[in-house]
């Protein structure tokens, strides 16, 4: 009986050890795939703090994703992600296309910086343009082997904090914070046979910058807004990929816009009044010069 008991214990330990090893290696495989896909697409180092694969729940947790800034900019990162969660249809895991009902990304920090020559977002957009044209941004980071493709029915992004540290052409240093409450993407990858991780990174970054250019239009300096939109115009439109995008700014952002618009209106009113006063004075001076006698 003792031998049977010991044998049972050994078998249990072996099974537990095997399960733990599978989970550990699965976590590591996901981490490597995300890092390689992001680095390949964006042309800058992408790192993931950790991935937690839940086999029984058919889910995946992501934490501490960091997309580095291109060289020459102050911040150490272009984008940072607090956490993410993915649910998948277990029946699709063995196939080449994985069906994802929901992907949620929470607490994103996006740093937009402009150096003397070029903004960091233009460097990223240029890399995405090369990716979309079929030219690899970096051959050393090309994902190896057969790549899984994903169809994501609902991709939600929550709590986006955009920090813009920009030097407008001919202007002073401008620091702007743009809070975005939520961004919703639907039917990602449905226009074809799914999208690989590199293309998914392309779509997410593009969606973030599109929303910034639209919702932050009244907060960004005109020359920066034009530069951002010009870069986005050179990429494939999200509508052409079958991706539907919705976004909400939230009360805080709307208050910032209202305050800026109020300031703009006050400035315009003040300038108009000054122009009228100046014109009136010129008319009065002209009349004085025309009238003889006592001025």
Protein backbone atom coordinates (compact mmCIF):
# COMPACT_ATOMS: atom_id res chain seq x y z
CA UNK A 1 0.00 0.00 0.00
CA UNK A 2 2.84 2.36 0.85
CA UNK A 3 4.44 1.70 -2.53
CA UNK A 4 1.16 2.33 -4.30
CA UNK A 5 0.69 5.52 -2.30
CA UNK A 6 4.20 6.73 -3.14
CA UNK A 7 3.67 5.86 -6.81
CA UNK A 8 0.43 7.85 -6.84
CA UNK A 9 2.17 10.84 -5.24
CA UNK A 10 4.98 10.66 -7.81
CA UNK A 11 2.47 10.50 -10.67
CA UNK A 12 0.56 13.51 -9.29
CA UNK A 13 3.79 15.49 -8.94
CA UNK A 14 4.80 14.59 -12.49
CA UNK A 15 1.41 15.67 -13.84
CA UNK A 16 1.50 18.94 -11.85
CA UNK A 17 5.07 19.56 -13.01
CA UNK A 18 4.09 18.94 -16.62
CA UNK A 19 1.13 21.32 -16.37
CA UNK A 20 3.31 24.00 -14.75
CA UNK A 21 5.95 23.57 -17.47
CA UNK A 22 3.32 23.87 -20.21
CA UNK A 23 1.93 27.04 -18.63
CA UNK A 24 5.38 28.56 -18.15
CA UNK A 25 6.45 27.84 -21.71
CA UNK A 26 3.10 29.02 -23.08
CA UNK A 27 3.46 32.29 -21.15
CA UNK A 28 6.98 32.71 -22.49
CA UNK A 29 5.89 31.91 -26.06
CA UNK A 30 3.14 34.55 -25.92
CA UNK A 31 5.56 37.11 -24.47
CA UNK A 32 8.10 36.50 -27.26
CA UNK A 33 5.41 36.61 -29.95
CA UNK A 34 4.00 39.94 -28.73
CA UNK A 35 7.46 41.49 -28.41
CA UNK A 36 8.62 40.34 -31.85
CA UNK A 37 5.36 41.34 -33.53
CA UNK A 38 5.40 44.84 -32.01
CA UNK A 39 9.09 45.44 -32.69
CA UNK A 40 8.75 44.22 -36.28
CA UNK A 41 5.73 46.45 -37.01
CA UNK A 42 6.81 49.64 -35.25
CA UNK A 43 10.56 49.53 -35.79
CA UNK A 44 11.29 50.22 -32.10
CA UNK A 45 11.85 47.85 -29.21
CA UNK A 46 8.64 46.41 -27.79
CA UNK A 47 8.73 44.63 -24.43
CA UNK A 48 6.08 42.84 -22.39
CA UNK A 49 6.32 42.51 -18.62
CA UNK A 50 4.47 39.21 -18.58
CA UNK A 51 1.73 37.07 -20.07
CA UNK A 52 -0.59 34.76 -18.15
CA UNK A 53 -2.23 31.99 -20.16
CA UNK A 54 -5.42 30.51 -18.70
CA UNK A 55 -6.03 27.19 -20.44
CA UNK A 56 -9.20 26.30 -18.53
CA UNK A 57 -10.72 29.77 -19.00
CA UNK A 58 -9.43 30.15 -22.59
CA UNK A 59 -8.07 33.59 -21.70
CA UNK A 60 -4.82 35.52 -21.75
CA UNK A 61 -3.64 38.34 -19.51
CA UNK A 62 -0.99 40.89 -20.55
CA UNK A 63 0.83 43.36 -18.32
CA UNK A 64 3.35 46.17 -18.60
CA UNK A 65 3.64 46.47 -22.36
CA UNK A 66 6.19 49.10 -23.38
CA UNK A 67 6.84 50.45 -26.87
CA UNK A 68 10.10 52.38 -26.79
CA UNK A 69 10.53 55.87 -28.20
CA UNK A 70 12.73 56.21 -31.28
CA UNK A 71 16.25 57.47 -30.43
CA UNK A 72 16.62 61.19 -29.77
CA UNK A 73 13.46 61.86 -27.74
CA UNK A 74 13.13 62.66 -24.04
CA UNK A 75 10.67 60.01 -22.88
CA UNK A 76 11.85 56.40 -22.69
CA UNK A 77 8.61 55.16 -24.23
CA UNK A 78 6.26 56.03 -27.06
CA UNK A 79 3.46 53.98 -25.51
CA UNK A 80 2.90 52.17 -22.25
CA UNK A 81 0.08 49.72 -21.43
CA UNK A 82 -0.97 48.90 -17.88
CA UNK A 83 -2.83 45.65 -18.55
CA UNK A 84 -4.70 43.73 -21.19
CA UNK A 85 -7.02 40.76 -21.29
CA UNK A 86 -7.96 38.46 -24.16
CA UNK A 87 -10.69 35.85 -24.35
CA UNK A 88 -10.54 33.29 -27.16
CA UNK A 89 -12.71 30.55 -28.59
CA UNK A 90 -10.92 27.41 -27.42
CA UNK A 91 -12.03 25.49 -30.52
CA UNK A 92 -9.99 27.83 -32.73
CA UNK A 93 -6.68 27.54 -30.84
CA UNK A 94 -5.40 24.67 -32.97
CA UNK A 95 -6.15 26.41 -36.25
CA UNK A 96 -4.17 29.06 -38.10
CA UNK A 97 -6.86 31.71 -37.40
CA UNK A 98 -7.77 32.34 -33.76
CA UNK A 99 -11.20 33.79 -33.01
CA UNK A 100 -11.12 36.43 -30.26
CA UNK A 101 -14.53 37.60 -28.97
CA UNK A 102 -13.01 40.36 -26.81
CA UNK A 103 -9.66 42.06 -26.33
CA UNK A 104 -9.46 44.79 -23.69
CA UNK A 105 -6.53 47.16 -23.13
CA UNK A 106 -6.56 49.33 -20.01
CA UNK A 107 -4.57 52.40 -18.94
CA UNK A 108 -2.55 53.49 -21.95
CA UNK A 109 -0.06 56.34 -21.90
CA UNK A 110 0.84 57.78 -25.30
CA UNK A 111 3.73 60.27 -25.50
CA UNK A 112 3.87 62.55 -28.54
CA UNK A 113 7.10 64.53 -28.87
CA UNK A 114 8.48 66.83 -31.51
CA UNK A 115 12.21 67.28 -31.83
CA UNK A 116 13.83 69.97 -33.98
CA UNK A 117 13.49 67.89 -37.15
CA UNK A 118 10.76 65.32 -36.76
CA UNK A 119 8.04 64.17 -34.35
CA UNK A 120 8.30 60.72 -32.80
CA UNK A 121 4.87 59.76 -34.13
CA UNK A 122 6.09 60.45 -37.68
CA UNK A 123 8.97 57.99 -37.16
CA UNK A 124 6.45 55.36 -36.01
CA UNK A 125 4.07 56.14 -38.89
CA UNK A 126 6.94 55.90 -41.39
CA UNK A 127 7.75 52.43 -40.04
CA UNK A 128 4.10 51.41 -40.35
CA UNK A 129 4.09 52.70 -43.93
CA UNK A 130 7.04 50.45 -44.74
CA UNK A 131 5.27 47.52 -43.08
CA UNK A 132 2.10 48.08 -45.11
CA UNK A 133 4.09 48.36 -48.32
CA UNK A 134 5.69 44.97 -47.64
CA UNK A 135 9.08 46.37 -46.70
CA UNK A 136 10.16 45.10 -43.28
CA UNK A 137 11.09 47.88 -40.83
CA UNK A 138 13.72 45.57 -39.35
CA UNK A 139 14.76 42.22 -40.85
CA UNK A 140 16.32 41.12 -37.57
CA UNK A 141 12.93 41.19 -35.83
CA UNK A 142 10.91 39.40 -38.51
CA UNK A 143 8.75 36.79 -36.71
CA UNK A 144 9.90 33.27 -37.54
CA UNK A 145 7.81 30.23 -38.42
CA UNK A 146 4.10 30.08 -39.20
CA UNK A 147 2.30 33.08 -37.75
CA UNK A 148 -1.09 32.79 -36.09
CA UNK A 149 -3.70 35.18 -37.40
CA UNK A 150 -6.45 36.78 -35.32
CA UNK A 151 -10.04 37.86 -35.85
CA UNK A 152 -11.11 40.19 -33.04
CA UNK A 153 -14.82 40.92 -32.79
CA UNK A 154 -14.58 43.61 -30.11
CA UNK A 155 -11.41 45.46 -29.09
CA UNK A 156 -11.85 48.00 -26.29
CA UNK A 157 -9.28 50.54 -25.12
CA UNK A 158 -9.88 52.33 -21.82
CA UNK A 159 -8.26 55.30 -20.08
CA UNK A 160 -5.91 56.70 -22.70
CA UNK A 161 -3.68 59.52 -21.50
CA UNK A 162 -2.04 61.43 -24.34
CA UNK A 163 0.91 63.62 -23.36
CA UNK A 164 1.96 65.99 -26.12
CA UNK A 165 5.31 67.73 -25.65
CA UNK A 166 5.62 69.62 -28.91
CA UNK A 167 7.54 72.50 -30.43
CA UNK A 168 5.27 74.04 -33.08
CA UNK A 169 7.03 75.55 -36.05
CA UNK A 170 7.83 79.15 -35.15
CA UNK A 171 6.18 78.82 -31.74
CA UNK A 172 6.98 78.20 -28.12
CA UNK A 173 7.23 74.86 -26.35
CA UNK A 174 3.75 73.41 -25.97
CA UNK A 175 2.74 70.78 -23.43
CA UNK A 176 -0.75 69.37 -23.71
CA UNK A 177 -2.54 66.53 -21.96
CA UNK A 178 -5.44 64.92 -23.83
CA UNK A 179 -7.50 62.37 -21.86
CA UNK A 180 -9.54 59.89 -23.93
CA UNK A 181 -12.08 57.85 -22.03
CA UNK A 182 -12.59 54.97 -24.45
CA UNK A 183 -11.96 53.67 -27.96
CA UNK A 184 -13.92 50.76 -29.42
CA UNK A 185 -12.79 48.76 -32.47
CA UNK A 186 -15.00 46.10 -34.03
CA UNK A 187 -14.51 43.40 -36.68
CA UNK A 188 -10.70 43.54 -36.70
CA UNK A 189 -9.39 41.01 -39.21
CA UNK A 190 -12.79 40.15 -40.68
CA UNK A 191 -11.94 41.71 -44.06
CA UNK A 192 -9.50 38.85 -44.72
CA UNK A 193 -8.31 35.69 -43.04
CA UNK A 194 -7.42 37.45 -39.82
CA UNK A 195 -4.39 39.62 -39.05
CA UNK A 196 -0.97 38.62 -37.64
CA UNK A 197 0.32 40.30 -34.47
CA UNK A 198 2.42 42.83 -36.42
CA UNK A 199 -0.62 44.03 -38.38
CA UNK A 200 -2.68 44.09 -35.18
CA UNK A 201 -0.09 46.44 -33.65
CA UNK A 202 -0.36 48.58 -36.80
CA UNK A 203 -4.17 48.80 -36.46
CA UNK A 204 -4.13 49.66 -32.74
CA UNK A 205 -1.50 52.41 -33.04
CA UNK A 206 -3.24 53.81 -36.11
CA UNK A 207 -6.62 53.85 -34.32
CA UNK A 208 -5.09 55.66 -31.32
CA UNK A 209 -3.54 58.36 -33.50
CA UNK A 210 -6.69 58.74 -35.62
CA UNK A 211 -8.75 59.36 -32.48
CA UNK A 212 -6.14 61.82 -31.16
CA UNK A 213 -6.25 63.73 -34.46
CA UNK A 214 -10.05 63.84 -34.39
CA UNK A 215 -10.93 64.30 -30.73
CA UNK A 216 -7.89 66.42 -29.92
CA UNK A 217 -8.24 68.65 -32.98
CA UNK A 218 -9.27 71.66 -30.89
CA UNK A 219 -6.41 71.16 -28.42
CA UNK A 220 -3.44 70.46 -30.71
CA UNK A 221 -1.59 73.29 -32.52
CA UNK A 222 -2.73 73.48 -36.19
CA UNK A 223 0.71 72.65 -37.63
CA UNK A 224 1.02 69.56 -35.41
CA UNK A 225 -2.51 68.45 -36.27
CA UNK A 226 -1.76 68.83 -39.98
CA UNK A 227 1.51 66.92 -39.63
CA UNK A 228 -0.21 64.05 -37.80
CA UNK A 229 -3.04 63.82 -40.30
CA UNK A 230 -0.59 63.95 -43.20
CA UNK A 231 1.27 60.94 -41.80
CA UNK A 232 -1.96 59.00 -41.23
CA UNK A 233 -3.15 59.76 -44.77
CA UNK A 234 -0.23 57.75 -46.14
CA UNK A 235 -1.44 54.57 -44.40
CA UNK A 236 -4.30 52.24 -45.23
CA UNK A 237 -7.62 53.57 -44.00
CA UNK A 238 -9.22 51.60 -41.16
CA UNK A 239 -12.54 51.56 -43.03
CA UNK A 240 -10.89 49.76 -45.94
CA UNK A 241 -9.83 47.04 -43.48
CA UNK A 242 -13.41 46.62 -42.29
CA UNK A 243 -12.58 48.02 -38.85
CA UNK A 244 -15.24 50.19 -37.21
CA UNK A 245 -14.01 52.77 -34.67
CA UNK A 246 -15.94 54.64 -31.98
CA UNK A 247 -14.48 56.85 -29.25
CA UNK A 248 -15.46 59.03 -26.30
CA UNK A 249 -13.46 61.86 -24.73
CA UNK A 250 -15.13 62.07 -21.32
CA UNK A 251 -16.10 65.06 -19.17
CA UNK A 252 -12.55 66.13 -18.30
CA UNK A 253 -11.47 66.41 -21.94
CA UNK A 254 -14.67 68.20 -22.92
CA UNK A 255 -14.10 70.73 -20.15
CA UNK A 256 -10.58 71.39 -21.48
CA UNK A 257 -11.98 71.96 -24.97
CA UNK A 258 -14.71 74.26 -23.69
CA UNK A 259 -12.16 76.29 -21.70
CA UNK A 260 -9.88 76.63 -24.71
CA UNK A 261 -12.77 77.60 -26.99
CA UNK A 262 -13.88 80.18 -24.41
CA UNK A 263 -10.36 81.63 -24.31
CA UNK A 264 -10.24 81.67 -28.12
CA UNK A 265 -13.56 83.49 -28.32
CA UNK A 266 -12.44 86.04 -25.71
CA UNK A 267 -9.19 86.64 -27.61
CA UNK A 268 -11.05 87.10 -30.88
CA UNK A 269 -13.49 89.51 -29.23
CA UNK A 270 -10.64 91.50 -27.72
CA UNK A 271 -8.81 91.72 -31.07
CA UNK A 272 -12.01 92.79 -32.82
CA UNK A 273 -12.60 95.53 -30.25
CA UNK A 274 -8.99 96.73 -30.61
CA UNK A 275 -9.39 96.79 -34.41
CA UNK A 276 -12.61 98.82 -34.14
CA UNK A 277 -11.03 101.28 -31.68
CA UNK A 278 -8.07 101.71 -34.00
CA UNK A 279 -10.26 102.28 -37.04
CA UNK A 280 -12.43 104.78 -35.12
CA UNK A 281 -9.38 106.74 -34.01
CA UNK A 282 -8.11 106.94 -37.59
CA UNK A 283 -11.48 108.27 -38.77
CA UNK A 284 -11.54 110.86 -35.99
CA UNK A 285 -8.00 112.00 -36.77
CA UNK A 286 -8.90 112.29 -40.43
CA UNK A 287 -11.96 114.42 -39.69
CA UNK A 288 -9.91 116.73 -37.45
CA UNK A 289 -7.46 117.34 -40.27
CA UNK A 290 -10.30 118.16 -42.68
CA UNK A 291 -12.14 120.63 -40.40
CA UNK A 292 -10.74 124.22 -40.32
CA UNK A 293 -10.36 126.26 -37.19
CA UNK A 294 -10.48 124.85 -33.68
CA UNK A 295 -9.48 121.22 -33.41
